PDB file of N, CA and C in Angstrom:
ATOM      1  N   SER A   1      -6.750  -5.832  -1.976  1.00  0.00           N
ATOM      2  CA  SER A   1      -6.049  -6.214  -3.534  1.00  0.00           C
ATOM      3  C   SER A   1      -4.538  -6.432  -3.061  1.00  0.00           C
ATOM      4  N   VAL A   2      -4.174  -7.011  -4.611  1.00  0.00           N
ATOM      5  CA  VAL A   2      -2.720  -6.747  -4.523  1.00  0.00           C
ATOM      6  C   VAL A   2      -1.925  -6.024  -5.292  1.00  0.00           C
ATOM      7  N   LEU A   3      -1.075  -5.529  -4.819  1.00  0.00           N
ATOM      8  CA  LEU A   3       0.058  -3.814  -5.176  1.00  0.00           C
ATOM      9  C   LEU A   3       0.853  -4.633  -5.512  1.00  0.00           C
ATOM     10  N   SER A   4       1.623  -5.720  -5.429  1.00  0.00           N
ATOM     11  CA  SER A   4       2.860  -5.993  -5.527  1.00  0.00           C
ATOM     12  C   SER A   4       3.273  -6.955  -5.711  1.00  0.00           C
ATOM     13  N   VAL A   5       3.979  -7.432  -6.698  1.00  0.00           N
ATOM     14  CA  VAL A   5       4.614  -9.322  -6.648  1.00  0.00           C
ATOM     15  C   VAL A   5       5.979  -9.323  -6.778  1.00  0.00           C
ATOM     16  N   ALA A   6       6.879 -10.246  -6.512  1.00  0.00           N
ATOM     17  CA  ALA A   6       7.773 -10.694  -6.597  1.00  0.00           C
ATOM     18  C   ALA A   6       7.979 -12.063  -6.846  1.00  0.00           C
ATOM     19  N   PHE A   7       8.811 -12.468  -7.639  1.00  0.00           N
ATOM     20  CA  PHE A   7       9.327 -13.965  -7.954  1.00  0.00           C
ATOM     21  C   PHE A   7      10.625 -14.318  -6.911  1.00  0.00           C
ATOM     22  N   SER A   8      11.060 -15.391  -6.725  1.00  0.00           N
ATOM     23  CA  SER A   8      12.559 -16.130  -5.734  1.00  0.00           C
ATOM     24  C   SER A   8      13.237 -16.078  -7.127  1.00  0.00           C
ATOM     25  N   PRO A   9      14.718 -15.793  -6.771  1.00  0.00           N
ATOM     26  CA  PRO A   9      15.210 -16.221  -7.289  1.00  0.00           C
ATOM     27  C   PRO A   9      15.248 -17.639  -8.599  1.00  0.00           C
ATOM     28  N   ASP A  10      15.259 -18.546  -7.560  1.00  0.00           N
ATOM     29  CA  ASP A  10      14.734 -19.778  -8.315  1.00  0.00           C
ATOM     30  C   ASP A  10      13.329 -20.361  -9.095  1.00  0.00           C
ATOM     31  N   GLY A  11      12.481 -19.360  -8.785  1.00  0.00           N
ATOM     32  CA  GLY A  11      11.315 -19.442  -8.952  1.00  0.00           C
ATOM     33  C   GLY A  11      10.267 -20.489  -8.457  1.00  0.00           C
ATOM     34  N   THR A  12      10.674 -20.717  -6.901  1.00  0.00           N
ATOM     35  CA  THR A  12       9.691 -21.518  -6.480  1.00  0.00           C
ATOM     36  C   THR A  12       8.588 -20.965  -5.288  1.00  0.00           C
ATOM     37  N   CYS A  13       9.070 -19.502  -5.286  1.00  0.00           N
ATOM     38  CA  CYS A  13       8.205 -18.883  -4.566  1.00  0.00           C
ATOM     39  C   CYS A  13       7.570 -17.059  -4.673  1.00  0.00           C
ATOM     40  N   VAL A  14       6.296 -17.019  -4.611  1.00  0.00           N
ATOM     41  CA  VAL A  14       5.886 -15.640  -5.283  1.00  0.00           C
ATOM     42  C   VAL A  14       5.339 -15.147  -4.049  1.00  0.00           C
ATOM     43  N   ALA A  15       6.460 -13.704  -3.754  1.00  0.00           N
ATOM     44  CA  ALA A  15       5.092 -13.112  -2.834  1.00  0.00           C
ATOM     45  C   ALA A  15       4.491 -11.633  -2.837  1.00  0.00           C
ATOM     46  N   SER A  16       3.461 -11.132  -2.528  1.00  0.00           N
ATOM     47  CA  SER A  16       2.659 -10.441  -2.789  1.00  0.00           C
ATOM     48  C   SER A  16       2.518  -9.333  -1.199  1.00  0.00           C
ATOM     49  N   GLY A  17       2.768  -7.913  -1.900  1.00  0.00           N
ATOM     50  CA  GLY A  17       2.141  -6.947  -1.269  1.00  0.00           C
ATOM     51  C   GLY A  17       0.559  -6.568  -1.135  1.00  0.00           C
ATOM     52  N   SER A  18      -0.014  -5.985  -0.312  1.00  0.00           N
ATOM     53  CA  SER A  18      -1.339  -6.063  -0.545  1.00  0.00           C
ATOM     54  C   SER A  18      -1.587  -4.805   0.094  1.00  0.00           C
ATOM     55  N   GLY A  19      -2.631  -4.137  -0.038  1.00  0.00           N
ATOM     56  CA  GLY A  19      -3.829  -3.222   0.278  1.00  0.00           C
ATOM     57  C   GLY A  19      -4.021  -3.113   1.735  1.00  0.00           C
ATOM     58  N   ASP A  20      -3.998  -4.466   2.393  1.00  0.00           N
ATOM     59  CA  ASP A  20      -4.321  -4.758   3.756  1.00  0.00           C
ATOM     60  C   ASP A  20      -3.275  -5.035   4.811  1.00  0.00           C
ATOM     61  N   ASP A  21      -2.065  -4.397   4.405  1.00  0.00           N
ATOM     62  CA  ASP A  21      -0.628  -3.987   4.878  1.00  0.00           C
ATOM     63  C   ASP A  21      -0.156  -5.286   5.135  1.00  0.00           C
ATOM     64  N   THR A  22      -0.262  -6.109   4.367  1.00  0.00           N
ATOM     65  CA  THR A  22       0.728  -7.541   4.815  1.00  0.00           C
ATOM     66  C   THR A  22       1.209  -7.712   3.257  1.00  0.00           C
ATOM     67  N   VAL A  23       2.529  -9.118   3.985  1.00  0.00           N
ATOM     68  CA  VAL A  23       3.009  -9.177   2.611  1.00  0.00           C
ATOM     69  C   VAL A  23       2.921 -10.797   2.899  1.00  0.00           C
ATOM     70  N   CYS A  24       2.418 -11.557   1.551  1.00  0.00           N
ATOM     71  CA  CYS A  24       2.161 -13.056   1.607  1.00  0.00           C
ATOM     72  C   CYS A  24       3.172 -13.924   0.737  1.00  0.00           C
ATOM     73  N   ARG A  25       3.335 -14.944   1.530  1.00  0.00           N
ATOM     74  CA  ARG A  25       4.663 -16.006   0.739  1.00  0.00           C
ATOM     75  C   ARG A  25       3.937 -16.772   0.341  1.00  0.00           C
ATOM     76  N   TRP A  26       3.342 -17.434  -1.317  1.00  0.00           N
ATOM     77  CA  TRP A  26       3.394 -18.194  -1.635  1.00  0.00           C
ATOM     78  C   TRP A  26       3.991 -19.014  -2.222  1.00  0.00           C
ATOM     79  N   ASP A  27       4.023 -20.952  -3.031  1.00  0.00           N
ATOM     80  CA  ASP A  27       4.293 -21.740  -3.704  1.00  0.00           C
ATOM     81  C   ASP A  27       3.953 -21.585  -4.832  1.00  0.00           C
ATOM     82  N   SER A  28       4.879 -20.876  -5.579  1.00  0.00           N
ATOM     83  CA  SER A  28       4.301 -20.938  -7.357  1.00  0.00           C
ATOM     84  C   SER A  28       4.318 -22.046  -7.847  1.00  0.00           C
ATOM     85  N   ALA A  29       4.292 -23.077  -7.635  1.00  0.00           N
ATOM     86  CA  ALA A  29       3.943 -24.454  -8.319  1.00  0.00           C
ATOM     87  C   ALA A  29       2.328 -24.962  -7.713  1.00  0.00           C
ATOM     88  N   THR A  30       2.135 -24.735  -6.289  1.00  0.00           N
ATOM     89  CA  THR A  30       0.530 -25.217  -5.828  1.00  0.00           C
ATOM     90  C   THR A  30      -0.147 -23.705  -5.702  1.00  0.00           C
ATOM     91  N   GLY A  31       0.450 -22.651  -6.018  1.00  0.00           N
ATOM     92  CA  GLY A  31      -0.625 -21.540  -5.401  1.00  0.00           C
ATOM     93  C   GLY A  31      -1.010 -21.398  -3.661  1.00  0.00           C
ATOM     94  N   ALA A  32      -0.136 -22.502  -3.114  1.00  0.00           N
ATOM     95  CA  ALA A  32      -0.365 -22.712  -1.024  1.00  0.00           C
ATOM     96  C   ALA A  32       0.165 -21.343  -0.682  1.00  0.00           C
ATOM     97  N   HIS A  33      -0.705 -21.284   0.236  1.00  0.00           N
ATOM     98  CA  HIS A  33      -0.201 -20.018   0.919  1.00  0.00           C
ATOM     99  C   HIS A  33       1.179 -20.519   1.769  1.00  0.00           C
ATOM    100  N   LEU A  34       2.180 -19.862   2.046  1.00  0.00           N
ATOM    101  CA  LEU A  34       3.120 -20.023   2.984  1.00  0.00           C
ATOM    102  C   LEU A  34       3.267 -19.587   3.884  1.00  0.00           C
ATOM    103  N   ALA A  35       2.803 -18.223   4.105  1.00  0.00           N
ATOM    104  CA  ALA A  35       3.102 -17.271   5.457  1.00  0.00           C
ATOM    105  C   ALA A  35       3.092 -16.086   4.973  1.00  0.00           C
ATOM    106  N   SER A  36       2.501 -15.381   6.408  1.00  0.00           N
ATOM    107  CA  SER A  36       2.234 -14.122   6.007  1.00  0.00           C
ATOM    108  C   SER A  36       2.755 -13.026   6.888  1.00  0.00           C
ATOM    109  N   PHE A  37       3.178 -12.024   6.697  1.00  0.00           N
ATOM    110  CA  PHE A  37       3.645 -10.473   7.822  1.00  0.00           C
ATOM    111  C   PHE A  37       3.378  -9.491   8.185  1.00  0.00           C
ATOM    112  N   LYS A  38       3.281  -9.232   8.945  1.00  0.00           N
ATOM    113  CA  LYS A  38       2.361  -8.351   9.038  1.00  0.00           C
ATOM    114  C   LYS A  38       3.612  -7.457  10.456  1.00  0.00           C
ATOM    115  N   GLY A  39       3.165  -6.112   9.520  1.00  0.00           N
ATOM    116  CA  GLY A  39       3.872  -5.193  10.330  1.00  0.00           C
ATOM    117  C   GLY A  39       3.774  -3.567   9.860  1.00  0.00           C
ATOM    118  N   HIS A  40       3.443  -4.020   8.298  1.00  0.00           N
ATOM    119  CA  HIS A  40       3.494  -2.352   7.626  1.00  0.00           C
ATOM    120  C   HIS A  40       2.012  -1.259   7.869  1.00  0.00           C
ATOM    121  N   SER A  41       2.187   0.510   8.206  1.00  0.00           N
ATOM    122  CA  SER A  41       1.152   0.596   9.041  1.00  0.00           C
ATOM    123  C   SER A  41       0.391   1.428   7.676  1.00  0.00           C
ATOM    124  N   SER A  42       0.544   1.165   6.156  1.00  0.00           N
ATOM    125  CA  SER A  42      -0.035   1.469   4.794  1.00  0.00           C
ATOM    126  C   SER A  42       0.313  -0.054   4.391  1.00  0.00           C
ATOM    127  N   SER A  43      -0.572   0.137   2.860  1.00  0.00           N
ATOM    128  CA  SER A  43      -0.139  -0.736   2.199  1.00  0.00           C
ATOM    129  C   SER A  43       1.279  -0.984   1.653  1.00  0.00           C
ATOM    130  N   VAL A  44       1.325  -2.275   1.085  1.00  0.00           N
ATOM    131  CA  VAL A  44       2.604  -2.497   0.364  1.00  0.00           C
ATOM    132  C   VAL A  44       2.554  -2.485  -0.839  1.00  0.00           C
ATOM    133  N   TYR A  45       3.505  -1.315  -1.512  1.00  0.00           N
ATOM    134  CA  TYR A  45       3.385  -1.242  -2.944  1.00  0.00           C
ATOM    135  C   TYR A  45       5.030  -1.632  -3.119  1.00  0.00           C
ATOM    136  N   SER A  46       5.748  -2.074  -3.046  1.00  0.00           N
ATOM    137  CA  SER A  46       6.942  -2.818  -3.025  1.00  0.00           C
ATOM    138  C   SER A  46       7.378  -4.060  -2.339  1.00  0.00           C
ATOM    139  N   ILE A  47       7.699  -4.989  -3.057  1.00  0.00           N
ATOM    140  CA  ILE A  47       8.739  -5.920  -2.839  1.00  0.00           C
ATOM    141  C   ILE A  47       9.849  -6.993  -3.449  1.00  0.00           C
ATOM    142  N   CYS A  48      10.451  -7.015  -2.790  1.00  0.00           N
ATOM    143  CA  CYS A  48      11.740  -7.894  -3.464  1.00  0.00           C
ATOM    144  C   CYS A  48      12.261  -8.974  -2.439  1.00  0.00           C
ATOM    145  N   PHE A  49      12.514 -10.491  -3.327  1.00  0.00           N
ATOM    146  CA  PHE A  49      13.415 -10.938  -2.446  1.00  0.00           C
ATOM    147  C   PHE A  49      14.780 -10.558  -2.784  1.00  0.00           C
ATOM    148  N   LEU A  50      15.743 -10.762  -1.440  1.00  0.00           N
ATOM    149  CA  LEU A  50      16.917 -10.916  -1.642  1.00  0.00           C
ATOM    150  C   LEU A  50      17.592 -11.895  -2.526  1.00  0.00           C
ATOM    151  N   PRO A  51      18.917 -11.655  -2.692  1.00  0.00           N
ATOM    152  CA  PRO A  51      19.510 -12.953  -3.608  1.00  0.00           C
ATOM    153  C   PRO A  51      19.439 -14.611  -2.978  1.00  0.00           C
ATOM    154  N   ASP A  52      19.748 -14.224  -1.988  1.00  0.00           N
ATOM    155  CA  ASP A  52      19.238 -15.602  -0.504  1.00  0.00           C
ATOM    156  C   ASP A  52      17.870 -16.202  -1.019  1.00  0.00           C
ATOM    157  N   GLY A  53      17.049 -16.199  -1.744  1.00  0.00           N
ATOM    158  CA  GLY A  53      15.702 -16.487  -2.171  1.00  0.00           C
ATOM    159  C   GLY A  53      15.019 -16.358  -1.165  1.00  0.00           C
ATOM    160  N   ILE A  54      15.490 -16.356   0.270  1.00  0.00           N
ATOM    161  CA  ILE A  54      14.769 -16.668   1.638  1.00  0.00           C
ATOM    162  C   ILE A  54      14.453 -15.128   2.187  1.00  0.00           C
ATOM    163  N   HIS A  55      15.044 -14.094   2.238  1.00  0.00           N
ATOM    164  CA  HIS A  55      15.178 -13.013   2.959  1.00  0.00           C
ATOM    165  C   HIS A  55      13.645 -11.817   1.797  1.00  0.00           C
ATOM    166  N   LEU A  56      13.244 -11.005   2.209  1.00  0.00           N
ATOM    167  CA  LEU A  56      12.536 -10.124   1.757  1.00  0.00           C
ATOM    168  C   LEU A  56      12.384  -8.828   2.059  1.00  0.00           C
ATOM    169  N   VAL A  57      12.467  -7.767   1.142  1.00  0.00           N
ATOM    170  CA  VAL A  57      12.774  -6.542   1.381  1.00  0.00           C
ATOM    171  C   VAL A  57      11.200  -5.885   0.903  1.00  0.00           C
ATOM    172  N   SER A  58      10.046  -5.517   1.817  1.00  0.00           N
ATOM    173  CA  SER A  58       8.969  -4.843   1.574  1.00  0.00           C
ATOM    174  C   SER A  58       9.370  -3.247   2.040  1.00  0.00           C
ATOM    175  N   GLY A  59       8.113  -2.428   1.290  1.00  0.00           N
ATOM    176  CA  GLY A  59       7.961  -1.022   1.237  1.00  0.00           C
ATOM    177  C   GLY A  59       6.775  -0.510   1.095  1.00  0.00           C
ATOM    178  N   SER A  60       5.882   0.243   2.003  1.00  0.00           N
ATOM    179  CA  SER A  60       4.628   1.145   2.387  1.00  0.00           C
ATOM    180  C   SER A  60       4.518   2.333   1.789  1.00  0.00           C
TER     181      SER A  60
END
């Protein structure tokens, strides 16, 4: 289940944090999955793009 969502500053990407301990990055125009990031030991309840639009900060 998706627990958190953030748009990149320019609106081209969406990031999601999930109950399966992953962060995913998506193309906001097409919905295409761009990347998955694993490393959390529990659900990801918060996510945010940094102002550069590339890097993400996530919390569980």
